[in-house]
Amino acid sequence: MSATQSTMMALGTSAPNFKLPDVLGSPISLEHYVDQPLLIVFMCNHCPYVKHIRSGFLLLVRQYQQKGVGIVGINSNDADAFPEDSPDKMLADSIKFAYSFPYLYDETQEVAKAYRAACTPDFFLFTKDKKLFYRGQMDDSRPGNGIPVTGKDLRLALDAVLLGVPALAAQKPSIGCNIKWKPGNGPDYFSP
């Protein structure tokens, strides 16, 4: 289990547009989240970091959806190399864990590249105007470090964006498994 940090896209960046199928094949895009903050998490089924935070993340999701935050999960992993991350397995996880948010499949990996996503989980929180407000970790908990999953960092950011106060100055990168890029499809933002 290698640890990869998020790239920390510049705050204020406009959310790149996307149109991706959810687990039932319905297309979802930014236009579905007009006039509401939007949290996008790059995630997958097999990653131990995602599994570690899942129950805490799902609690956070339910709480903040009730406050008007749009939430989307995107899986950009190469499903040929990692069959556990295939669309049918995504559907199974969505049902098993009662995901209350759209879980989208980025087969071409172009959306992950547009967001400069690097790991799973990788969190991007946008304002109502779809400007990047927070990117980074959910909290300090990692598999095996003994720190409880609270969602502290992400909760502070979500509360701030809902209150319309400035973004947190200190934002720590998320850490997780690297996105599983298709052969020859890796992004150039990891090059020196």
N, C-alpha and C. Protein backbone atom coordinates (compact mmCIF):
# COMPACT_ATOMS: atom_id res chain seq x y z
N MET A 1 0.86 -1.18 0.00
CA MET A 1 0.00 0.00 0.00
C MET A 1 0.90 1.23 0.00
N SER A 2 1.13 1.80 -1.18
CA SER A 2 1.95 2.99 -1.27
C SER A 2 1.07 4.22 -1.08
N ALA A 3 1.65 5.25 -0.49
CA ALA A 3 0.90 6.47 -0.19
C ALA A 3 1.26 7.56 -1.19
N THR A 4 0.24 8.12 -1.83
CA THR A 4 0.40 9.20 -2.79
C THR A 4 -0.36 10.41 -2.27
N GLN A 5 0.25 11.59 -2.36
CA GLN A 5 -0.41 12.82 -1.91
C GLN A 5 -1.16 13.48 -3.05
N SER A 6 -2.22 14.21 -2.70
CA SER A 6 -2.93 15.00 -3.70
C SER A 6 -2.04 16.13 -4.20
N THR A 7 -2.36 16.64 -5.39
CA THR A 7 -1.52 17.65 -6.04
C THR A 7 -1.80 19.07 -5.56
N MET A 8 -2.90 19.26 -4.85
CA MET A 8 -3.25 20.57 -4.27
C MET A 8 -3.43 21.64 -5.36
N MET A 9 -4.38 21.41 -6.22
CA MET A 9 -4.76 22.38 -7.26
C MET A 9 -4.95 23.76 -6.63
N ALA A 10 -4.67 24.81 -7.37
CA ALA A 10 -4.76 26.17 -6.85
C ALA A 10 -6.18 26.52 -6.43
N LEU A 11 -6.30 27.08 -5.23
CA LEU A 11 -7.60 27.55 -4.75
C LEU A 11 -8.13 28.61 -5.70
N GLY A 12 -9.43 28.65 -5.87
CA GLY A 12 -10.06 29.61 -6.79
C GLY A 12 -10.19 29.09 -8.20
N THR A 13 -9.58 27.95 -8.50
CA THR A 13 -9.70 27.35 -9.83
C THR A 13 -11.16 26.99 -10.10
N SER A 14 -11.62 27.27 -11.32
CA SER A 14 -12.98 26.88 -11.70
C SER A 14 -13.06 25.37 -11.86
N ALA A 15 -14.17 24.79 -11.43
CA ALA A 15 -14.36 23.34 -11.55
C ALA A 15 -14.38 22.95 -13.02
N PRO A 16 -13.51 22.06 -13.43
CA PRO A 16 -13.59 21.56 -14.81
C PRO A 16 -14.92 20.85 -15.03
N ASN A 17 -15.50 21.09 -16.18
CA ASN A 17 -16.79 20.45 -16.47
C ASN A 17 -16.59 18.96 -16.70
N PHE A 18 -17.62 18.19 -16.47
CA PHE A 18 -17.58 16.76 -16.72
C PHE A 18 -18.99 16.28 -17.04
N LYS A 19 -19.06 15.17 -17.72
CA LYS A 19 -20.32 14.48 -17.96
C LYS A 19 -19.97 13.00 -17.95
N LEU A 20 -20.33 12.33 -16.85
CA LEU A 20 -19.95 10.94 -16.65
C LEU A 20 -21.17 10.11 -16.26
N PRO A 21 -21.16 8.81 -16.60
CA PRO A 21 -22.28 7.96 -16.21
C PRO A 21 -22.19 7.56 -14.74
N ASP A 22 -23.34 7.51 -14.09
CA ASP A 22 -23.39 6.95 -12.74
C ASP A 22 -23.50 5.43 -12.84
N VAL A 23 -23.67 4.77 -11.73
CA VAL A 23 -23.66 3.30 -11.73
C VAL A 23 -24.84 2.69 -12.48
N LEU A 24 -25.86 3.48 -12.77
CA LEU A 24 -26.99 2.99 -13.55
C LEU A 24 -26.92 3.46 -15.01
N GLY A 25 -25.85 4.18 -15.34
CA GLY A 25 -25.66 4.64 -16.71
C GLY A 25 -26.21 6.01 -17.01
N SER A 26 -26.80 6.68 -16.02
CA SER A 26 -27.35 8.03 -16.23
C SER A 26 -26.23 9.06 -16.20
N PRO A 27 -26.21 9.98 -17.18
CA PRO A 27 -25.15 10.99 -17.19
C PRO A 27 -25.35 12.05 -16.11
N ILE A 28 -24.26 12.38 -15.44
CA ILE A 28 -24.26 13.42 -14.40
C ILE A 28 -23.18 14.43 -14.79
N SER A 29 -23.51 15.72 -14.62
CA SER A 29 -22.54 16.77 -14.96
C SER A 29 -22.61 17.88 -13.92
N LEU A 30 -21.74 18.87 -14.07
CA LEU A 30 -21.74 20.03 -13.17
C LEU A 30 -23.10 20.73 -13.16
N GLU A 31 -23.78 20.71 -14.30
CA GLU A 31 -25.07 21.40 -14.40
C GLU A 31 -26.11 20.86 -13.41
N HIS A 32 -25.89 19.67 -12.89
CA HIS A 32 -26.81 19.11 -11.89
C HIS A 32 -26.67 19.80 -10.52
N TYR A 33 -25.65 20.64 -10.37
CA TYR A 33 -25.34 21.22 -9.05
C TYR A 33 -25.27 22.74 -9.10
N VAL A 34 -26.20 23.35 -9.81
CA VAL A 34 -26.26 24.81 -9.93
C VAL A 34 -26.64 25.39 -8.57
N ASP A 35 -25.96 26.48 -8.21
CA ASP A 35 -26.28 27.24 -6.99
C ASP A 35 -26.17 26.43 -5.70
N GLN A 36 -25.26 25.49 -5.66
CA GLN A 36 -24.99 24.79 -4.41
C GLN A 36 -23.51 24.43 -4.37
N PRO A 37 -22.92 24.43 -3.17
CA PRO A 37 -21.54 23.96 -3.06
C PRO A 37 -21.48 22.50 -3.53
N LEU A 38 -20.33 22.11 -4.04
CA LEU A 38 -20.17 20.76 -4.57
C LEU A 38 -18.87 20.14 -4.05
N LEU A 39 -19.00 18.98 -3.45
CA LEU A 39 -17.85 18.19 -3.02
C LEU A 39 -17.68 17.04 -3.98
N ILE A 40 -16.51 16.97 -4.60
CA ILE A 40 -16.16 15.87 -5.49
C ILE A 40 -15.06 15.07 -4.83
N VAL A 41 -15.27 13.77 -4.74
CA VAL A 41 -14.23 12.90 -4.18
C VAL A 41 -13.86 11.85 -5.22
N PHE A 42 -12.59 11.78 -5.54
CA PHE A 42 -12.08 10.70 -6.37
C PHE A 42 -11.85 9.52 -5.44
N MET A 43 -12.48 8.41 -5.76
CA MET A 43 -12.49 7.26 -4.88
C MET A 43 -12.54 5.99 -5.74
N CYS A 44 -12.51 4.87 -5.10
CA CYS A 44 -12.66 3.60 -5.80
C CYS A 44 -13.10 2.55 -4.80
N ASN A 45 -13.27 1.33 -5.26
CA ASN A 45 -13.76 0.27 -4.39
C ASN A 45 -12.65 -0.41 -3.59
N HIS A 46 -11.48 -0.62 -4.22
CA HIS A 46 -10.50 -1.52 -3.61
C HIS A 46 -9.51 -0.83 -2.69
N CYS A 47 -9.40 0.48 -2.71
CA CYS A 47 -8.36 1.21 -1.98
C CYS A 47 -8.54 1.08 -0.46
N PRO A 48 -7.50 0.64 0.26
CA PRO A 48 -7.62 0.54 1.72
C PRO A 48 -7.82 1.89 2.41
N TYR A 49 -7.36 2.97 1.81
CA TYR A 49 -7.57 4.30 2.40
C TYR A 49 -9.06 4.68 2.31
N VAL A 50 -9.68 4.38 1.17
CA VAL A 50 -11.11 4.65 1.02
C VAL A 50 -11.92 3.76 1.96
N LYS A 51 -11.57 2.48 2.02
CA LYS A 51 -12.28 1.57 2.93
C LYS A 51 -12.16 2.04 4.38
N HIS A 52 -10.99 2.58 4.74
CA HIS A 52 -10.73 3.03 6.11
C HIS A 52 -11.67 4.18 6.51
N ILE A 53 -11.92 5.11 5.60
CA ILE A 53 -12.75 6.29 5.94
C ILE A 53 -14.22 6.11 5.59
N ARG A 54 -14.58 5.02 4.91
CA ARG A 54 -15.91 4.92 4.30
C ARG A 54 -17.05 5.21 5.27
N SER A 55 -17.10 4.57 6.43
CA SER A 55 -18.26 4.78 7.31
C SER A 55 -18.31 6.23 7.79
N GLY A 56 -17.17 6.81 8.14
CA GLY A 56 -17.14 8.21 8.56
C GLY A 56 -17.50 9.16 7.42
N PHE A 57 -17.05 8.84 6.23
CA PHE A 57 -17.37 9.67 5.07
C PHE A 57 -18.86 9.60 4.76
N LEU A 58 -19.45 8.42 4.83
CA LEU A 58 -20.87 8.29 4.52
C LEU A 58 -21.74 9.03 5.54
N LEU A 59 -21.32 9.06 6.80
CA LEU A 59 -22.02 9.85 7.81
C LEU A 59 -21.92 11.34 7.47
N LEU A 60 -20.72 11.80 7.12
CA LEU A 60 -20.51 13.19 6.72
C LEU A 60 -21.38 13.53 5.52
N VAL A 61 -21.41 12.65 4.53
CA VAL A 61 -22.21 12.88 3.33
C VAL A 61 -23.67 13.12 3.68
N ARG A 62 -24.24 12.24 4.48
CA ARG A 62 -25.66 12.39 4.84
C ARG A 62 -25.91 13.71 5.56
N GLN A 63 -25.01 14.08 6.46
CA GLN A 63 -25.19 15.32 7.21
C GLN A 63 -25.12 16.55 6.30
N TYR A 64 -24.17 16.57 5.39
CA TYR A 64 -23.99 17.77 4.57
C TYR A 64 -24.89 17.81 3.35
N GLN A 65 -25.38 16.68 2.89
CA GLN A 65 -26.41 16.72 1.85
C GLN A 65 -27.66 17.39 2.41
N GLN A 66 -27.98 17.14 3.68
CA GLN A 66 -29.15 17.77 4.31
C GLN A 66 -28.97 19.28 4.42
N LYS A 67 -27.73 19.75 4.39
CA LYS A 67 -27.45 21.19 4.46
C LYS A 67 -27.33 21.83 3.08
N GLY A 68 -27.54 21.02 2.03
CA GLY A 68 -27.56 21.58 0.68
C GLY A 68 -26.29 21.41 -0.13
N VAL A 69 -25.36 20.61 0.35
CA VAL A 69 -24.11 20.40 -0.40
C VAL A 69 -24.33 19.25 -1.39
N GLY A 70 -23.96 19.48 -2.64
CA GLY A 70 -23.96 18.41 -3.63
C GLY A 70 -22.70 17.58 -3.45
N ILE A 71 -22.83 16.29 -3.60
CA ILE A 71 -21.68 15.40 -3.40
C ILE A 71 -21.66 14.36 -4.50
N VAL A 72 -20.47 14.17 -5.08
CA VAL A 72 -20.28 13.23 -6.18
C VAL A 72 -19.01 12.43 -5.91
N GLY A 73 -19.07 11.12 -6.14
CA GLY A 73 -17.89 10.27 -6.12
C GLY A 73 -17.51 9.92 -7.55
N ILE A 74 -16.21 9.94 -7.85
CA ILE A 74 -15.73 9.59 -9.20
C ILE A 74 -14.65 8.53 -9.08
N ASN A 75 -14.82 7.46 -9.83
CA ASN A 75 -13.82 6.40 -9.91
C ASN A 75 -13.14 6.52 -11.27
N SER A 76 -11.84 6.78 -11.25
CA SER A 76 -11.07 6.92 -12.49
C SER A 76 -10.08 5.79 -12.70
N ASN A 77 -10.11 4.79 -11.86
CA ASN A 77 -9.13 3.70 -11.97
C ASN A 77 -9.32 2.86 -13.23
N ASP A 78 -8.22 2.29 -13.69
CA ASP A 78 -8.22 1.36 -14.83
C ASP A 78 -8.90 0.07 -14.39
N ALA A 79 -10.14 -0.13 -14.81
CA ALA A 79 -10.91 -1.30 -14.38
C ALA A 79 -10.43 -2.58 -15.05
N ASP A 80 -9.71 -2.47 -16.17
CA ASP A 80 -9.15 -3.68 -16.79
C ASP A 80 -8.07 -4.27 -15.90
N ALA A 81 -7.24 -3.42 -15.35
CA ALA A 81 -6.16 -3.87 -14.46
C ALA A 81 -6.66 -4.12 -13.04
N PHE A 82 -7.75 -3.44 -12.65
CA PHE A 82 -8.29 -3.56 -11.29
C PHE A 82 -9.78 -3.84 -11.39
N PRO A 83 -10.15 -5.11 -11.67
CA PRO A 83 -11.56 -5.46 -11.89
C PRO A 83 -12.48 -5.12 -10.72
N GLU A 84 -11.93 -5.02 -9.50
CA GLU A 84 -12.76 -4.65 -8.36
C GLU A 84 -13.31 -3.23 -8.49
N ASP A 85 -12.70 -2.43 -9.37
CA ASP A 85 -13.16 -1.06 -9.58
C ASP A 85 -14.01 -0.90 -10.85
N SER A 86 -14.50 -2.00 -11.38
CA SER A 86 -15.31 -1.96 -12.60
C SER A 86 -16.70 -1.39 -12.29
N PRO A 87 -17.41 -0.92 -13.32
CA PRO A 87 -18.74 -0.35 -13.10
C PRO A 87 -19.71 -1.29 -12.39
N ASP A 88 -19.68 -2.60 -12.69
CA ASP A 88 -20.60 -3.50 -12.01
C ASP A 88 -20.28 -3.62 -10.52
N LYS A 89 -18.99 -3.57 -10.19
CA LYS A 89 -18.58 -3.60 -8.77
C LYS A 89 -18.91 -2.27 -8.09
N MET A 90 -18.83 -1.18 -8.85
CA MET A 90 -19.24 0.12 -8.31
C MET A 90 -20.71 0.10 -7.93
N LEU A 91 -21.54 -0.48 -8.81
CA LEU A 91 -22.96 -0.60 -8.52
C LEU A 91 -23.18 -1.43 -7.27
N ALA A 92 -22.45 -2.54 -7.17
CA ALA A 92 -22.60 -3.41 -5.99
C ALA A 92 -22.22 -2.68 -4.71
N ASP A 93 -21.12 -1.91 -4.73
CA ASP A 93 -20.73 -1.14 -3.55
C ASP A 93 -21.76 -0.05 -3.23
N SER A 94 -22.29 0.59 -4.27
CA SER A 94 -23.29 1.64 -4.05
C SER A 94 -24.50 1.10 -3.33
N ILE A 95 -24.89 -0.12 -3.69
CA ILE A 95 -26.04 -0.75 -3.04
C ILE A 95 -25.67 -1.24 -1.64
N LYS A 96 -24.54 -1.93 -1.55
CA LYS A 96 -24.13 -2.51 -0.26
C LYS A 96 -23.96 -1.45 0.82
N PHE A 97 -23.36 -0.32 0.46
CA PHE A 97 -23.08 0.72 1.45
C PHE A 97 -24.09 1.87 1.41
N ALA A 98 -25.15 1.72 0.62
CA ALA A 98 -26.23 2.72 0.54
C ALA A 98 -25.71 4.12 0.23
N TYR A 99 -24.90 4.22 -0.84
CA TYR A 99 -24.40 5.54 -1.24
C TYR A 99 -25.58 6.44 -1.58
N SER A 100 -25.60 7.62 -1.00
CA SER A 100 -26.68 8.58 -1.25
C SER A 100 -26.23 9.65 -2.24
N PHE A 101 -25.11 9.42 -2.89
CA PHE A 101 -24.55 10.35 -3.87
C PHE A 101 -24.26 9.60 -5.16
N PRO A 102 -24.25 10.29 -6.29
CA PRO A 102 -23.90 9.62 -7.54
C PRO A 102 -22.44 9.15 -7.51
N TYR A 103 -22.22 7.93 -7.94
CA TYR A 103 -20.88 7.35 -8.04
C TYR A 103 -20.62 7.18 -9.53
N LEU A 104 -19.71 7.98 -10.05
CA LEU A 104 -19.50 8.11 -11.49
C LEU A 104 -18.24 7.37 -11.95
N TYR A 105 -18.29 6.89 -13.18
CA TYR A 105 -17.15 6.17 -13.76
C TYR A 105 -16.48 7.01 -14.83
N ASP A 106 -15.20 7.31 -14.62
CA ASP A 106 -14.38 8.11 -15.52
C ASP A 106 -13.50 7.16 -16.35
N GLU A 107 -14.11 6.48 -17.30
CA GLU A 107 -13.41 5.44 -18.05
C GLU A 107 -12.19 5.96 -18.79
N THR A 108 -12.28 7.16 -19.38
CA THR A 108 -11.16 7.71 -20.16
C THR A 108 -10.08 8.32 -19.26
N GLN A 109 -10.40 8.55 -18.01
CA GLN A 109 -9.53 9.18 -17.02
C GLN A 109 -9.28 10.67 -17.31
N GLU A 110 -10.02 11.22 -18.25
CA GLU A 110 -9.83 12.64 -18.60
C GLU A 110 -10.32 13.57 -17.49
N VAL A 111 -11.34 13.17 -16.76
CA VAL A 111 -11.83 14.01 -15.67
C VAL A 111 -10.80 14.05 -14.55
N ALA A 112 -10.22 12.90 -14.22
CA ALA A 112 -9.17 12.87 -13.19
C ALA A 112 -8.02 13.79 -13.59
N LYS A 113 -7.65 13.76 -14.85
CA LYS A 113 -6.57 14.64 -15.33
C LYS A 113 -6.97 16.10 -15.21
N ALA A 114 -8.20 16.42 -15.59
CA ALA A 114 -8.66 17.82 -15.54
C ALA A 114 -8.64 18.36 -14.11
N TYR A 115 -8.91 17.49 -13.14
CA TYR A 115 -8.92 17.89 -11.73
C TYR A 115 -7.55 17.73 -11.06
N ARG A 116 -6.59 17.22 -11.80
CA ARG A 116 -5.26 16.94 -11.27
C ARG A 116 -5.34 15.98 -10.07
N ALA A 117 -6.31 15.06 -10.15
CA ALA A 117 -6.48 14.07 -9.09
C ALA A 117 -5.27 13.14 -9.09
N ALA A 118 -4.87 12.73 -7.90
CA ALA A 118 -3.67 11.91 -7.77
C ALA A 118 -3.91 10.63 -6.99
N CYS A 119 -4.85 10.67 -6.05
CA CYS A 119 -4.99 9.54 -5.13
C CYS A 119 -6.46 9.29 -4.80
N THR A 120 -6.66 8.18 -4.11
CA THR A 120 -7.99 7.87 -3.59
C THR A 120 -7.86 7.67 -2.09
N PRO A 121 -8.59 8.46 -1.32
CA PRO A 121 -9.53 9.50 -1.72
C PRO A 121 -8.82 10.84 -1.98
N ASP A 122 -9.37 11.62 -2.89
CA ASP A 122 -8.87 12.96 -3.20
C ASP A 122 -10.10 13.87 -3.22
N PHE A 123 -10.15 14.84 -2.31
CA PHE A 123 -11.34 15.68 -2.10
C PHE A 123 -11.17 17.06 -2.71
N PHE A 124 -12.23 17.53 -3.39
CA PHE A 124 -12.26 18.86 -3.99
C PHE A 124 -13.61 19.49 -3.63
N LEU A 125 -13.58 20.59 -2.89
CA LEU A 125 -14.80 21.28 -2.48
C LEU A 125 -14.89 22.62 -3.21
N PHE A 126 -16.01 22.83 -3.89
CA PHE A 126 -16.22 24.04 -4.67
C PHE A 126 -17.36 24.87 -4.09
N THR A 127 -17.26 26.17 -4.25
CA THR A 127 -18.31 27.09 -3.83
C THR A 127 -19.52 26.95 -4.74
N LYS A 128 -20.59 27.68 -4.44
CA LYS A 128 -21.77 27.70 -5.31
C LYS A 128 -21.41 28.12 -6.73
N ASP A 129 -20.39 29.00 -6.83
CA ASP A 129 -19.93 29.49 -8.13
C ASP A 129 -18.93 28.55 -8.79
N LYS A 130 -18.71 27.40 -8.16
CA LYS A 130 -17.80 26.35 -8.66
C LYS A 130 -16.35 26.80 -8.74
N LYS A 131 -15.94 27.56 -7.70
CA LYS A 131 -14.53 27.92 -7.52
C LYS A 131 -13.96 27.04 -6.41
N LEU A 132 -12.75 26.54 -6.62
CA LEU A 132 -12.17 25.62 -5.64
C LEU A 132 -11.95 26.33 -4.31
N PHE A 133 -12.53 25.78 -3.27
CA PHE A 133 -12.50 26.35 -1.93
C PHE A 133 -11.60 25.55 -1.00
N TYR A 134 -11.58 24.24 -1.19
CA TYR A 134 -10.78 23.35 -0.35
C TYR A 134 -10.37 22.15 -1.17
N ARG A 135 -9.12 21.73 -0.98
CA ARG A 135 -8.67 20.46 -1.53
C ARG A 135 -7.70 19.91 -0.51
N GLY A 136 -7.85 18.63 -0.23
CA GLY A 136 -6.98 18.05 0.78
C GLY A 136 -7.62 16.87 1.47
N GLN A 137 -7.16 16.64 2.68
CA GLN A 137 -7.55 15.44 3.41
C GLN A 137 -8.90 15.59 4.10
N MET A 138 -9.48 14.44 4.42
CA MET A 138 -10.70 14.42 5.24
C MET A 138 -10.33 14.70 6.69
N ASP A 139 -9.26 14.04 7.15
CA ASP A 139 -8.72 14.25 8.49
C ASP A 139 -7.36 13.56 8.56
N ASP A 140 -6.78 13.47 9.75
CA ASP A 140 -5.45 12.88 9.90
C ASP A 140 -5.44 11.36 10.02
N SER A 141 -6.59 10.73 10.00
CA SER A 141 -6.66 9.28 10.15
C SER A 141 -6.19 8.56 8.89
N ARG A 142 -5.39 7.53 9.08
CA ARG A 142 -4.90 6.68 8.00
C ARG A 142 -4.97 5.23 8.47
N PRO A 143 -5.05 4.29 7.56
CA PRO A 143 -5.05 2.89 7.99
C PRO A 143 -3.85 2.59 8.89
N GLY A 144 -4.14 2.08 10.07
CA GLY A 144 -3.07 1.65 10.97
C GLY A 144 -2.47 2.71 11.87
N ASN A 145 -2.88 4.01 11.75
CA ASN A 145 -2.24 5.02 12.61
C ASN A 145 -2.97 5.25 13.93
N GLY A 146 -4.12 4.60 14.12
CA GLY A 146 -4.82 4.68 15.40
C GLY A 146 -5.60 5.96 15.63
N ILE A 147 -5.58 6.89 14.70
CA ILE A 147 -6.33 8.14 14.84
C ILE A 147 -7.76 7.91 14.35
N PRO A 148 -8.76 8.26 15.15
CA PRO A 148 -10.15 8.04 14.73
C PRO A 148 -10.51 8.85 13.49
N VAL A 149 -11.41 8.30 12.68
CA VAL A 149 -11.94 9.01 11.51
C VAL A 149 -13.03 9.96 12.01
N THR A 150 -12.78 11.26 11.88
CA THR A 150 -13.75 12.27 12.32
C THR A 150 -14.22 13.16 11.17
N GLY A 151 -13.39 13.26 10.12
CA GLY A 151 -13.69 14.18 9.03
C GLY A 151 -13.42 15.62 9.39
N LYS A 152 -12.62 15.85 10.44
CA LYS A 152 -12.41 17.19 11.00
C LYS A 152 -12.06 18.25 9.94
N ASP A 153 -11.05 17.99 9.13
CA ASP A 153 -10.61 19.00 8.16
C ASP A 153 -11.68 19.28 7.12
N LEU A 154 -12.28 18.23 6.60
CA LEU A 154 -13.30 18.41 5.58
C LEU A 154 -14.55 19.06 6.16
N ARG A 155 -14.91 18.71 7.38
CA ARG A 155 -16.07 19.33 8.04
C ARG A 155 -15.85 20.84 8.23
N LEU A 156 -14.65 21.22 8.66
CA LEU A 156 -14.35 22.65 8.83
C LEU A 156 -14.51 23.39 7.51
N ALA A 157 -14.03 22.77 6.43
CA ALA A 157 -14.13 23.40 5.11
C ALA A 157 -15.59 23.48 4.66
N LEU A 158 -16.34 22.43 4.86
CA LEU A 158 -17.76 22.43 4.48
C LEU A 158 -18.54 23.47 5.27
N ASP A 159 -18.28 23.56 6.56
CA ASP A 159 -18.96 24.56 7.38
C ASP A 159 -18.62 25.97 6.89
N ALA A 160 -17.34 26.19 6.57
CA ALA A 160 -16.91 27.52 6.11
C ALA A 160 -17.57 27.88 4.78
N VAL A 161 -17.61 26.95 3.84
CA VAL A 161 -18.20 27.27 2.54
C VAL A 161 -19.70 27.53 2.69
N LEU A 162 -20.37 26.83 3.59
CA LEU A 162 -21.80 27.07 3.81
C LEU A 162 -22.05 28.41 4.49
N LEU A 163 -21.12 28.83 5.36
CA LEU A 163 -21.27 30.11 6.05
C LEU A 163 -20.81 31.29 5.21
N GLY A 164 -20.12 31.01 4.11
CA GLY A 164 -19.61 32.08 3.25
C GLY A 164 -18.41 32.80 3.83
N VAL A 165 -17.67 32.11 4.70
CA VAL A 165 -16.45 32.71 5.26
C VAL A 165 -15.25 32.21 4.45
N PRO A 166 -14.10 32.88 4.58
CA PRO A 166 -12.94 32.52 3.77
C PRO A 166 -12.49 31.07 3.98
N ALA A 167 -11.85 30.55 2.96
CA ALA A 167 -11.31 29.19 3.01
C ALA A 167 -10.24 29.09 4.09
N LEU A 168 -10.09 27.90 4.62
CA LEU A 168 -9.05 27.65 5.62
C LEU A 168 -7.67 27.89 5.00
N ALA A 169 -6.82 28.56 5.75
CA ALA A 169 -5.48 28.84 5.24
C ALA A 169 -4.64 27.56 5.19
N ALA A 170 -4.73 26.75 6.24
CA ALA A 170 -3.94 25.52 6.30
C ALA A 170 -4.77 24.36 5.74
N GLN A 171 -4.33 23.85 4.61
CA GLN A 171 -5.00 22.72 3.99
C GLN A 171 -3.95 21.64 3.73
N LYS A 172 -4.15 20.49 4.35
CA LYS A 172 -3.19 19.38 4.20
C LYS A 172 -3.60 18.49 3.04
N PRO A 173 -2.63 18.02 2.26
CA PRO A 173 -2.98 17.14 1.15
C PRO A 173 -3.61 15.85 1.63
N SER A 174 -4.50 15.33 0.82
CA SER A 174 -5.01 14.00 1.07
C SER A 174 -3.90 13.00 0.75
N ILE A 175 -4.00 11.84 1.35
CA ILE A 175 -3.03 10.77 1.09
C ILE A 175 -3.83 9.50 0.86
N GLY A 176 -3.44 8.76 -0.16
CA GLY A 176 -4.12 7.50 -0.45
C GLY A 176 -3.38 6.73 -1.51
N CYS A 177 -4.05 5.73 -2.05
CA CYS A 177 -3.47 4.96 -3.15
C CYS A 177 -3.46 5.84 -4.40
N ASN A 178 -2.44 5.68 -5.23
CA ASN A 178 -2.42 6.45 -6.47
C ASN A 178 -3.56 6.00 -7.38
N ILE A 179 -4.06 6.92 -8.20
CA ILE A 179 -5.03 6.54 -9.21
C ILE A 179 -4.34 5.56 -10.14
N LYS A 180 -5.05 4.51 -10.51
CA LYS A 180 -4.49 3.45 -11.35
C LYS A 180 -4.68 3.84 -12.81
N TRP A 181 -3.64 4.48 -13.36
CA TRP A 181 -3.70 4.98 -14.73
C TRP A 181 -3.58 3.84 -15.73
N LYS A 182 -4.27 3.98 -16.84
CA LYS A 182 -4.14 3.02 -17.92
C LYS A 182 -2.74 3.14 -18.52
N PRO A 183 -2.21 2.07 -19.09
CA PRO A 183 -0.87 2.13 -19.68
C PRO A 183 -0.76 3.28 -20.69
N GLY A 184 0.26 4.10 -20.51
CA GLY A 184 0.49 5.23 -21.41
C GLY A 184 -0.45 6.39 -21.22
N ASN A 185 -1.29 6.36 -20.18
CA ASN A 185 -2.30 7.41 -19.99
C ASN A 185 -2.03 8.28 -18.78
N GLY A 186 -0.90 8.08 -18.12
CA GLY A 186 -0.62 8.88 -16.93
C GLY A 186 -0.55 10.35 -17.24
N PRO A 187 -0.95 11.18 -16.29
CA PRO A 187 -0.96 12.64 -16.51
C PRO A 187 0.44 13.23 -16.48
N ASP A 188 0.59 14.38 -17.12
CA ASP A 188 1.89 15.04 -17.14
C ASP A 188 2.18 15.85 -15.88
N TYR A 189 1.20 16.01 -14.99
CA TYR A 189 1.47 16.83 -13.80
C TYR A 189 2.33 16.11 -12.77
N PHE A 190 2.70 14.86 -13.03
CA PHE A 190 3.63 14.19 -12.14
C PHE A 190 5.06 14.23 -12.70
N SER A 191 5.21 14.77 -13.90
CA SER A 191 6.54 14.86 -14.49
C SER A 191 7.30 16.04 -13.91
N PRO A 192 8.64 15.93 -13.80
CA PRO A 192 9.42 17.05 -13.26
C PRO A 192 9.38 18.24 -14.17
